[in-house]
Amino acid sequence: MAKNVKYSRIFKELGARYRKLRLKRKMVQEDVIDHGFSVRHYQQLEAGRPHSLITLFRVAEMYKTDVAQILKGLV
């Protein structure tokens, strides 16, 4: 499998996990504004757009969870 295809799959799965965390907390996408994200940027994250480790840490902080928990079983 080509690297970019593998990475694309990982970011798609991260986006799905972010969405699941948001819905579990009964949040709508507009609620992420209170945590320093623009709605558009967050929509892109949930859609699987590649992003930095800093963003991953910010998402984990927003949902009060560990980065390790978000990444568990991903790779």
N, C-alpha and C. Protein backbone atom coordinates (compact mmCIF):
# COMPACT_ATOMS: atom_id res chain seq x y z
N MET A 1 0.85 -1.17 0.00
CA MET A 1 0.00 0.00 0.00
C MET A 1 0.89 1.24 0.00
N ALA A 2 0.59 2.18 -0.83
CA ALA A 2 1.36 3.41 -0.92
C ALA A 2 1.19 4.21 0.37
N LYS A 3 2.26 4.92 0.75
CA LYS A 3 2.24 5.68 2.00
C LYS A 3 1.09 6.68 2.05
N ASN A 4 0.90 7.43 0.96
CA ASN A 4 -0.14 8.46 1.00
C ASN A 4 -1.53 7.86 1.16
N VAL A 5 -1.76 6.68 0.63
CA VAL A 5 -3.05 6.01 0.79
C VAL A 5 -3.23 5.58 2.24
N LYS A 6 -2.16 5.05 2.84
CA LYS A 6 -2.21 4.64 4.24
C LYS A 6 -2.47 5.84 5.13
N TYR A 7 -1.78 6.94 4.89
CA TYR A 7 -1.96 8.14 5.70
C TYR A 7 -3.36 8.71 5.52
N SER A 8 -3.87 8.67 4.32
CA SER A 8 -5.21 9.16 4.04
C SER A 8 -6.22 8.37 4.86
N ARG A 9 -6.05 7.08 4.93
CA ARG A 9 -6.95 6.22 5.71
C ARG A 9 -6.87 6.58 7.19
N ILE A 10 -5.69 6.85 7.67
CA ILE A 10 -5.50 7.21 9.08
C ILE A 10 -6.22 8.51 9.41
N PHE A 11 -6.06 9.53 8.56
CA PHE A 11 -6.72 10.80 8.82
C PHE A 11 -8.24 10.69 8.70
N LYS A 12 -8.72 9.87 7.79
CA LYS A 12 -10.17 9.63 7.68
C LYS A 12 -10.70 9.01 8.97
N GLU A 13 -9.95 8.04 9.50
CA GLU A 13 -10.36 7.39 10.75
C GLU A 13 -10.28 8.37 11.92
N LEU A 14 -9.25 9.22 11.95
CA LEU A 14 -9.17 10.24 13.00
C LEU A 14 -10.39 11.15 12.94
N GLY A 15 -10.77 11.57 11.75
CA GLY A 15 -11.95 12.41 11.59
C GLY A 15 -13.20 11.74 12.13
N ALA A 16 -13.34 10.46 11.85
CA ALA A 16 -14.49 9.70 12.34
C ALA A 16 -14.47 9.62 13.86
N ARG A 17 -13.29 9.49 14.43
CA ARG A 17 -13.17 9.43 15.89
C ARG A 17 -13.48 10.78 16.52
N TYR A 18 -13.05 11.85 15.89
CA TYR A 18 -13.37 13.19 16.39
C TYR A 18 -14.88 13.40 16.39
N ARG A 19 -15.52 12.99 15.31
CA ARG A 19 -16.98 13.14 15.22
C ARG A 19 -17.67 12.34 16.32
N LYS A 20 -17.20 11.12 16.53
CA LYS A 20 -17.78 10.26 17.56
C LYS A 20 -17.62 10.89 18.95
N LEU A 21 -16.44 11.45 19.21
CA LEU A 21 -16.21 12.12 20.50
C LEU A 21 -17.14 13.32 20.66
N ARG A 22 -17.30 14.09 19.60
CA ARG A 22 -18.16 15.27 19.65
C ARG A 22 -19.61 14.87 19.92
N LEU A 23 -20.09 13.88 19.20
CA LEU A 23 -21.48 13.46 19.37
C LEU A 23 -21.72 12.83 20.74
N LYS A 24 -20.73 12.09 21.23
CA LYS A 24 -20.83 11.48 22.56
C LYS A 24 -21.02 12.55 23.63
N ARG A 25 -20.43 13.72 23.39
CA ARG A 25 -20.54 14.82 24.34
C ARG A 25 -21.69 15.77 24.01
N LYS A 26 -22.53 15.33 23.07
CA LYS A 26 -23.71 16.11 22.66
C LYS A 26 -23.35 17.53 22.23
N MET A 27 -22.26 17.62 21.50
CA MET A 27 -21.80 18.90 20.96
C MET A 27 -22.17 19.00 19.49
N VAL A 28 -22.40 20.22 19.05
CA VAL A 28 -22.54 20.49 17.62
C VAL A 28 -21.24 21.12 17.16
N GLN A 29 -21.02 21.14 15.85
CA GLN A 29 -19.75 21.66 15.35
C GLN A 29 -19.51 23.11 15.78
N GLU A 30 -20.55 23.88 15.94
CA GLU A 30 -20.39 25.28 16.35
C GLU A 30 -19.81 25.40 17.76
N ASP A 31 -19.97 24.37 18.58
CA ASP A 31 -19.43 24.39 19.95
C ASP A 31 -17.90 24.42 19.97
N VAL A 32 -17.26 24.02 18.89
CA VAL A 32 -15.80 23.99 18.88
C VAL A 32 -15.21 25.39 18.86
N ILE A 33 -16.01 26.38 18.52
CA ILE A 33 -15.55 27.78 18.53
C ILE A 33 -15.07 28.16 19.92
N ASP A 34 -15.76 27.67 20.94
CA ASP A 34 -15.39 27.97 22.33
C ASP A 34 -14.03 27.38 22.71
N HIS A 35 -13.50 26.51 21.86
CA HIS A 35 -12.21 25.86 22.14
C HIS A 35 -11.13 26.30 21.16
N GLY A 36 -11.39 27.39 20.45
CA GLY A 36 -10.37 27.97 19.59
C GLY A 36 -10.31 27.46 18.17
N PHE A 37 -11.27 26.65 17.77
CA PHE A 37 -11.32 26.17 16.39
C PHE A 37 -12.36 26.97 15.62
N SER A 38 -12.10 27.19 14.34
CA SER A 38 -13.18 27.71 13.51
C SER A 38 -14.03 26.51 13.09
N VAL A 39 -15.29 26.77 12.81
CA VAL A 39 -16.18 25.68 12.41
C VAL A 39 -15.66 25.03 11.13
N ARG A 40 -15.23 25.85 10.18
CA ARG A 40 -14.74 25.32 8.90
C ARG A 40 -13.52 24.42 9.11
N HIS A 41 -12.58 24.86 9.92
CA HIS A 41 -11.38 24.05 10.18
C HIS A 41 -11.78 22.72 10.82
N TYR A 42 -12.67 22.78 11.80
CA TYR A 42 -13.08 21.55 12.46
C TYR A 42 -13.83 20.62 11.51
N GLN A 43 -14.65 21.19 10.63
CA GLN A 43 -15.34 20.36 9.63
C GLN A 43 -14.32 19.62 8.76
N GLN A 44 -13.24 20.29 8.43
CA GLN A 44 -12.20 19.67 7.62
C GLN A 44 -11.52 18.54 8.40
N LEU A 45 -11.33 18.72 9.70
CA LEU A 45 -10.74 17.66 10.52
C LEU A 45 -11.64 16.43 10.52
N GLU A 46 -12.92 16.64 10.74
CA GLU A 46 -13.86 15.51 10.77
C GLU A 46 -13.96 14.84 9.40
N ALA A 47 -13.69 15.59 8.35
CA ALA A 47 -13.74 15.04 7.00
C ALA A 47 -12.47 14.26 6.66
N GLY A 48 -11.47 14.31 7.54
CA GLY A 48 -10.26 13.53 7.31
C GLY A 48 -9.09 14.29 6.73
N ARG A 49 -9.13 15.60 6.79
CA ARG A 49 -8.02 16.40 6.26
C ARG A 49 -6.78 16.19 7.13
N PRO A 50 -5.63 16.02 6.52
CA PRO A 50 -4.39 15.88 7.31
C PRO A 50 -4.16 17.11 8.19
N HIS A 51 -3.62 16.86 9.38
CA HIS A 51 -3.35 17.95 10.30
C HIS A 51 -2.16 17.62 11.19
N SER A 52 -1.75 18.60 11.95
CA SER A 52 -0.53 18.48 12.75
C SER A 52 -0.77 17.79 14.09
N LEU A 53 0.33 17.45 14.73
CA LEU A 53 0.26 16.90 16.09
C LEU A 53 -0.31 17.92 17.06
N ILE A 54 0.02 19.18 16.85
CA ILE A 54 -0.51 20.23 17.72
C ILE A 54 -2.04 20.20 17.68
N THR A 55 -2.60 20.07 16.49
CA THR A 55 -4.06 20.01 16.36
C THR A 55 -4.61 18.78 17.06
N LEU A 56 -3.94 17.65 16.92
CA LEU A 56 -4.35 16.43 17.61
C LEU A 56 -4.38 16.66 19.12
N PHE A 57 -3.35 17.29 19.66
CA PHE A 57 -3.30 17.59 21.10
C PHE A 57 -4.43 18.54 21.50
N ARG A 58 -4.72 19.52 20.67
CA ARG A 58 -5.80 20.48 20.96
C ARG A 58 -7.16 19.78 20.97
N VAL A 59 -7.37 18.86 20.04
CA VAL A 59 -8.63 18.11 19.99
C VAL A 59 -8.75 17.25 21.25
N ALA A 60 -7.68 16.57 21.62
CA ALA A 60 -7.71 15.73 22.82
C ALA A 60 -8.02 16.57 24.05
N GLU A 61 -7.41 17.74 24.14
CA GLU A 61 -7.67 18.64 25.27
C GLU A 61 -9.13 19.08 25.28
N MET A 62 -9.66 19.42 24.13
CA MET A 62 -11.05 19.86 24.03
C MET A 62 -12.00 18.78 24.55
N TYR A 63 -11.71 17.52 24.22
CA TYR A 63 -12.58 16.42 24.63
C TYR A 63 -12.16 15.79 25.95
N LYS A 64 -11.15 16.39 26.58
CA LYS A 64 -10.67 15.90 27.88
C LYS A 64 -10.34 14.41 27.83
N THR A 65 -9.55 14.06 26.84
CA THR A 65 -9.12 12.67 26.67
C THR A 65 -7.64 12.66 26.31
N ASP A 66 -7.04 11.50 26.40
CA ASP A 66 -5.62 11.35 26.06
C ASP A 66 -5.45 11.16 24.56
N VAL A 67 -4.36 11.69 24.05
CA VAL A 67 -4.01 11.48 22.64
C VAL A 67 -3.91 9.98 22.37
N ALA A 68 -3.32 9.25 23.32
CA ALA A 68 -3.16 7.80 23.16
C ALA A 68 -4.51 7.11 22.97
N GLN A 69 -5.52 7.58 23.66
CA GLN A 69 -6.85 7.00 23.52
C GLN A 69 -7.42 7.25 22.13
N ILE A 70 -7.19 8.43 21.60
CA ILE A 70 -7.67 8.76 20.26
C ILE A 70 -6.96 7.90 19.22
N LEU A 71 -5.66 7.68 19.41
CA LEU A 71 -4.85 6.95 18.43
C LEU A 71 -4.90 5.43 18.61
N LYS A 72 -5.42 4.96 19.71
CA LYS A 72 -5.41 3.52 20.04
C LYS A 72 -5.91 2.66 18.88
N GLY A 73 -5.06 1.73 18.46
CA GLY A 73 -5.42 0.78 17.42
C GLY A 73 -5.42 1.34 16.01
N LEU A 74 -4.97 2.58 15.85
CA LEU A 74 -5.06 3.23 14.56
C LEU A 74 -3.98 2.76 13.59
N VAL A 75 -2.78 2.55 14.09
CA VAL A 75 -1.68 2.15 13.20
C VAL A 75 -1.14 0.80 13.58
